[in-house]
Amino acid sequence: MSSPIELYYWPTPNGWKITIALEEMGLPYEVKYVNIGAGEQFDPDFLKIAPNNRMPAVIDPDGPDGRPISIFESGAILQYLGRKSGKFYGKTERDRVEIEQWLMWQMGGVGPMAGQAHHFLNYAPVDIPYAKERYSNEVNRLYGVLDKRLADRDFVAGDYSIADMAIWPWAQGWSRQNQDIADFPHMQAWLERMWDRPAVKTGKKIGEDRRMNLADDKEAQKILFGQRAR
C-alpha cells in the first residue's frame, strides 16, 4: 500500500481543490494544517516545501522513481495527482490540452480576480469603489465565459476533470464576489452537479471547523494582507 501523501492545507478555495482531488482519486493522504491566519506559512520548514509561502503544498513519499517529491502551486499539484492516479486528466493528448486550457484559465483568471473581488468587497480597510467595480466586473466577465462554455456540456472540458475541481472552489463563492447567479444559469446547474458529488462535499468539509471569521480578526488580516518580502 502506498504511503499517504502529506497535504499542507488550510480550508480555503485553493486548499479545497486538492482535498477534492485526493478524495475523487482515492489517494491516501494525511492533512497537515498550515494556519495562514497565524502566520504558519512563514515557518522555515514549510518554506522548504512551498517557497512562495502559500498553501497548499504536498509531499508524496512515493514520487517519481520511488523517491519523495514536494510540490507547491495548486494547479501543478492537480496535474501531478492526475498523472499519478491516471484519473480525471484525460486519456489522450487532445483531452489533456483541453483540460489544461481550463485549468490555466482558472489559475490565471478566476482565482486571482475572484480573490481580489472578495478582498475589496469584504476585507479592505478603506472603501475603494473603483477596485470593487473593477474586480466585480472582471469576475462577471469570467463567469459569463464559463456559463457559455457549460451551455452544451456537463463539465468544462467534456468529462469531469481536474479543471472542474480547480474552478468550483472559487465559483461556488459567487455571492461574496458581487455576482447574481441568476445571470449564469448553466454555471448554476454545473455548481449543483458538482455539489452532488460526494467527494466534493467531503473535500470541502476537511478542516471546516478551523475556518476563521477573517472580517473580525484584525491580527490575521495583518498577517495575510500586510505581507512584505522577508
Protein backbone atom coordinates (compact mmCIF):
# COMPACT_ATOMS: atom_id res chain seq x y z
CA MET A 1 0.00 0.00 0.00
CA SER A 2 1.27 3.47 -0.89
CA SER A 3 2.41 5.79 1.87
CA PRO A 4 -0.05 8.65 2.38
CA ILE A 5 0.58 11.92 0.61
CA GLU A 6 1.30 14.72 3.08
CA LEU A 7 -1.06 17.61 2.34
CA TYR A 8 -0.15 21.02 3.76
CA TYR A 9 -3.54 22.64 3.89
CA TRP A 10 -5.92 25.26 5.16
CA PRO A 11 -9.66 25.31 4.31
CA THR A 12 -9.66 27.90 1.50
CA PRO A 13 -10.61 27.59 -2.19
CA ASN A 14 -7.07 26.66 -3.18
CA GLY A 15 -6.90 24.10 -0.40
CA TRP A 16 -10.26 22.59 -1.37
CA LYS A 17 -9.01 21.93 -4.88
CA ILE A 18 -6.57 19.37 -3.50
CA THR A 19 -8.77 17.72 -0.89
CA ILE A 20 -11.45 17.28 -3.55
CA ALA A 21 -8.93 15.79 -5.98
CA LEU A 22 -7.48 13.41 -3.41
CA GLU A 23 -10.96 12.27 -2.42
CA GLU A 24 -12.04 11.82 -6.04
CA MET A 25 -8.89 9.90 -6.93
CA GLY A 26 -8.96 7.70 -3.85
CA LEU A 27 -5.35 8.50 -2.97
CA PRO A 28 -4.37 8.11 0.70
CA TYR A 29 -3.39 11.38 2.35
CA GLU A 30 -2.61 12.96 5.69
CA VAL A 31 -3.60 16.55 6.39
CA LYS A 32 -1.03 18.84 7.97
CA TYR A 33 -2.75 22.12 8.78
CA VAL A 34 -0.98 25.38 7.96
CA ASN A 35 -2.81 28.13 9.84
CA ILE A 36 -2.39 31.04 7.45
CA GLY A 37 -4.08 33.44 9.87
CA ALA A 38 -1.40 32.69 12.45
CA GLY A 39 1.48 33.03 10.00
CA GLU A 40 2.45 29.35 9.90
CA GLN A 41 3.09 29.68 6.14
CA PHE A 42 6.30 31.51 7.03
CA ASP A 43 7.71 28.61 9.04
CA PRO A 44 11.17 27.75 7.63
CA ASP A 45 10.30 24.06 7.34
CA PHE A 46 7.19 24.90 5.31
CA LEU A 47 9.14 27.27 3.07
CA LYS A 48 11.39 24.38 2.08
CA ILE A 49 8.30 22.79 0.52
CA ALA A 50 6.49 25.94 -0.62
CA PRO A 51 8.96 28.78 -1.24
CA ASN A 52 6.11 31.11 -2.24
CA ASN A 53 4.80 30.88 1.37
CA ARG A 54 1.37 29.78 0.19
CA MET A 55 -0.55 26.62 0.76
CA PRO A 56 -1.47 24.08 -0.49
CA ALA A 57 1.62 22.01 -0.94
CA VAL A 58 2.20 18.28 -0.89
CA ILE A 59 4.95 15.78 -0.24
CA ASP A 60 4.49 12.44 -1.94
CA PRO A 61 6.77 9.85 -0.30
CA ASP A 62 6.20 7.60 -3.34
CA GLY A 63 7.15 10.11 -6.01
CA PRO A 64 8.74 9.51 -9.42
CA ASP A 65 11.28 6.67 -9.41
CA GLY A 66 10.13 5.80 -5.91
CA ARG A 67 11.71 8.89 -4.38
CA PRO A 68 9.85 11.56 -2.36
CA ILE A 69 8.81 14.73 -4.15
CA SER A 70 7.40 18.02 -2.87
CA ILE A 71 5.12 20.20 -4.98
CA PHE A 72 3.66 23.67 -4.47
CA GLU A 73 1.06 25.60 -6.53
CA SER A 74 -2.41 24.06 -6.63
CA GLY A 75 -2.52 23.71 -10.42
CA ALA A 76 0.79 21.85 -10.52
CA ILE A 77 -0.40 19.60 -7.71
CA LEU A 78 -3.61 18.77 -9.59
CA GLN A 79 -1.64 17.87 -12.71
CA TYR A 80 0.72 15.68 -10.71
CA LEU A 81 -2.12 13.88 -8.94
CA GLY A 82 -3.93 13.37 -12.23
CA ARG A 83 -0.83 11.75 -13.75
CA LYS A 84 -0.13 9.71 -10.64
CA SER A 85 -3.65 8.32 -10.35
CA GLY A 86 -4.41 8.12 -14.05
CA LYS A 87 -7.77 9.75 -13.32
CA PHE A 88 -9.55 12.97 -14.32
CA TYR A 89 -6.73 14.13 -16.61
CA GLY A 90 -7.92 12.79 -19.95
CA LYS A 91 -6.97 9.73 -21.94
CA THR A 92 -5.34 11.40 -24.95
CA GLU A 93 -3.10 14.38 -25.58
CA ARG A 94 -6.07 16.21 -27.08
CA ASP A 95 -8.03 15.57 -23.87
CA ARG A 96 -5.18 16.87 -21.74
CA VAL A 97 -4.79 20.04 -23.78
CA GLU A 98 -8.50 20.75 -23.35
CA ILE A 99 -8.26 20.21 -19.60
CA GLU A 100 -5.10 22.28 -19.24
CA GLN A 101 -6.61 25.24 -21.07
CA TRP A 102 -9.36 25.50 -18.47
CA LEU A 103 -7.05 24.75 -15.58
CA MET A 104 -4.81 27.65 -16.63
CA TRP A 105 -7.90 29.81 -17.16
CA GLN A 106 -8.75 29.26 -13.52
CA MET A 107 -5.22 29.77 -12.28
CA GLY A 108 -4.64 32.96 -14.24
CA GLY A 109 -8.16 34.38 -14.20
CA VAL A 110 -10.89 33.14 -11.89
CA GLY A 111 -8.69 32.62 -8.83
CA PRO A 112 -6.84 35.96 -8.88
CA MET A 113 -9.84 38.04 -9.96
CA ALA A 114 -12.33 36.42 -7.59
CA GLY A 115 -9.78 36.71 -4.81
CA GLN A 116 -9.34 40.43 -5.42
CA ALA A 117 -13.09 40.99 -5.66
CA HIS A 118 -13.57 39.11 -2.43
CA HIS A 119 -10.86 41.17 -0.74
CA PHE A 120 -12.05 44.62 -1.76
CA LEU A 121 -15.72 43.81 -1.19
CA ASN A 122 -15.29 42.19 2.22
CA TYR A 123 -11.94 42.96 3.86
CA ALA A 124 -10.33 46.14 2.55
CA PRO A 125 -9.81 48.60 5.44
CA VAL A 126 -10.95 51.50 3.24
CA ASP A 127 -13.73 51.66 0.69
CA ILE A 128 -12.34 51.81 -2.85
CA PRO A 129 -15.28 51.90 -5.28
CA TYR A 130 -13.03 51.63 -8.35
CA ALA A 131 -11.42 48.41 -7.08
CA LYS A 132 -14.79 46.93 -6.17
CA GLU A 133 -16.18 47.67 -9.61
CA ARG A 134 -13.03 46.63 -11.47
CA TYR A 135 -12.76 43.18 -9.94
CA SER A 136 -16.52 42.53 -9.74
CA ASN A 137 -16.80 43.31 -13.44
CA GLU A 138 -13.93 41.01 -14.36
CA VAL A 139 -15.38 38.16 -12.32
CA ASN A 140 -18.69 38.78 -14.07
CA ARG A 141 -16.96 38.53 -17.45
CA LEU A 142 -15.20 35.32 -16.48
CA TYR A 143 -18.37 33.71 -15.21
CA GLY A 144 -20.01 34.71 -18.49
CA VAL A 145 -17.28 32.76 -20.30
CA LEU A 146 -17.87 29.78 -18.02
CA ASP A 147 -21.64 29.96 -18.47
CA LYS A 148 -21.33 29.89 -22.26
CA ARG A 149 -18.89 27.01 -22.06
CA LEU A 150 -21.33 24.96 -19.99
CA ALA A 151 -24.32 25.64 -22.23
CA ASP A 152 -23.87 22.37 -24.12
CA ARG A 153 -21.87 20.18 -21.74
CA ASP A 154 -21.97 18.96 -18.15
CA PHE A 155 -18.33 19.75 -17.33
CA VAL A 156 -15.87 22.32 -18.61
CA ALA A 157 -13.58 20.01 -20.60
CA GLY A 158 -16.14 17.39 -21.58
CA ASP A 159 -15.70 14.67 -18.98
CA TYR A 160 -15.33 15.59 -15.32
CA SER A 161 -11.70 16.57 -14.70
CA ILE A 162 -9.16 18.39 -12.59
CA ALA A 163 -10.28 21.58 -14.37
CA ASP A 164 -13.69 21.34 -12.69
CA MET A 165 -12.00 20.64 -9.36
CA ALA A 166 -9.93 23.80 -9.78
CA ILE A 167 -12.76 26.12 -10.82
CA TRP A 168 -15.51 25.02 -8.46
CA PRO A 169 -13.99 26.13 -5.12
CA TRP A 170 -13.78 29.72 -6.38
CA ALA A 171 -17.01 29.78 -8.40
CA GLN A 172 -19.13 28.48 -5.53
CA GLY A 173 -18.32 31.71 -3.67
CA TRP A 174 -20.10 33.89 -6.26
CA SER A 175 -22.37 35.58 -3.68
CA ARG A 176 -19.42 37.23 -1.92
CA GLN A 177 -17.96 38.31 -5.24
CA ASN A 178 -20.91 40.65 -6.00
CA GLN A 179 -22.48 38.31 -8.57
CA ASP A 180 -26.07 37.25 -9.27
CA ILE A 181 -26.16 33.54 -10.04
CA ALA A 182 -29.42 34.03 -11.95
CA ASP A 183 -27.31 35.65 -14.67
CA PHE A 184 -25.45 32.36 -15.18
CA PRO A 185 -27.99 29.50 -15.39
CA HIS A 186 -25.59 26.98 -16.94
CA MET A 187 -22.96 27.74 -14.33
CA GLN A 188 -25.59 27.35 -11.62
CA ALA A 189 -26.58 23.92 -12.93
CA TRP A 190 -22.89 22.94 -13.02
CA LEU A 191 -22.38 24.12 -9.44
CA GLU A 192 -25.26 21.88 -8.41
CA ARG A 193 -23.85 18.91 -10.34
CA MET A 194 -20.54 19.44 -8.64
CA TRP A 195 -22.10 19.62 -5.19
CA ASP A 196 -23.91 16.34 -5.85
CA ARG A 197 -20.55 14.58 -5.91
CA PRO A 198 -19.73 13.01 -2.51
CA ALA A 199 -16.01 13.71 -2.88
CA VAL A 200 -16.70 17.43 -3.38
CA LYS A 201 -18.72 17.54 -0.17
CA THR A 202 -16.08 15.59 1.74
CA GLY A 203 -13.20 17.64 0.36
CA LYS A 204 -14.81 20.93 1.28
CA LYS A 205 -15.59 19.72 4.78
CA ILE A 206 -11.95 18.99 5.67
CA GLY A 207 -10.94 21.43 8.41
CA GLU A 208 -14.28 23.25 8.20
CA ASP A 209 -14.27 23.85 11.95
CA ARG A 210 -10.94 25.69 11.65
CA ARG A 211 -12.12 28.37 9.23
CA MET A 212 -11.76 31.82 10.72
CA ASN A 213 -14.09 34.79 10.57
CA LEU A 214 -11.47 36.88 8.87
CA ALA A 215 -13.63 40.00 8.77
CA ASP A 216 -13.42 40.21 12.57
CA ASP A 217 -9.84 39.03 13.04
CA LYS A 218 -7.65 42.10 12.59
CA GLU A 219 -4.44 40.32 13.57
CA ALA A 220 -4.99 37.65 10.94
CA GLN A 221 -5.70 40.37 8.39
CA LYS A 222 -2.34 42.00 9.19
CA ILE A 223 -0.58 38.69 8.57
CA LEU A 224 -2.46 37.85 5.38
CA PHE A 225 -2.74 41.28 3.79
CA GLY A 226 0.34 43.06 5.12
CA GLN A 227 2.96 40.64 3.86
CA ARG A 228 6.24 42.01 2.60
CA ALA A 229 9.35 40.23 1.35
CA ARG A 230 11.31 38.63 4.16
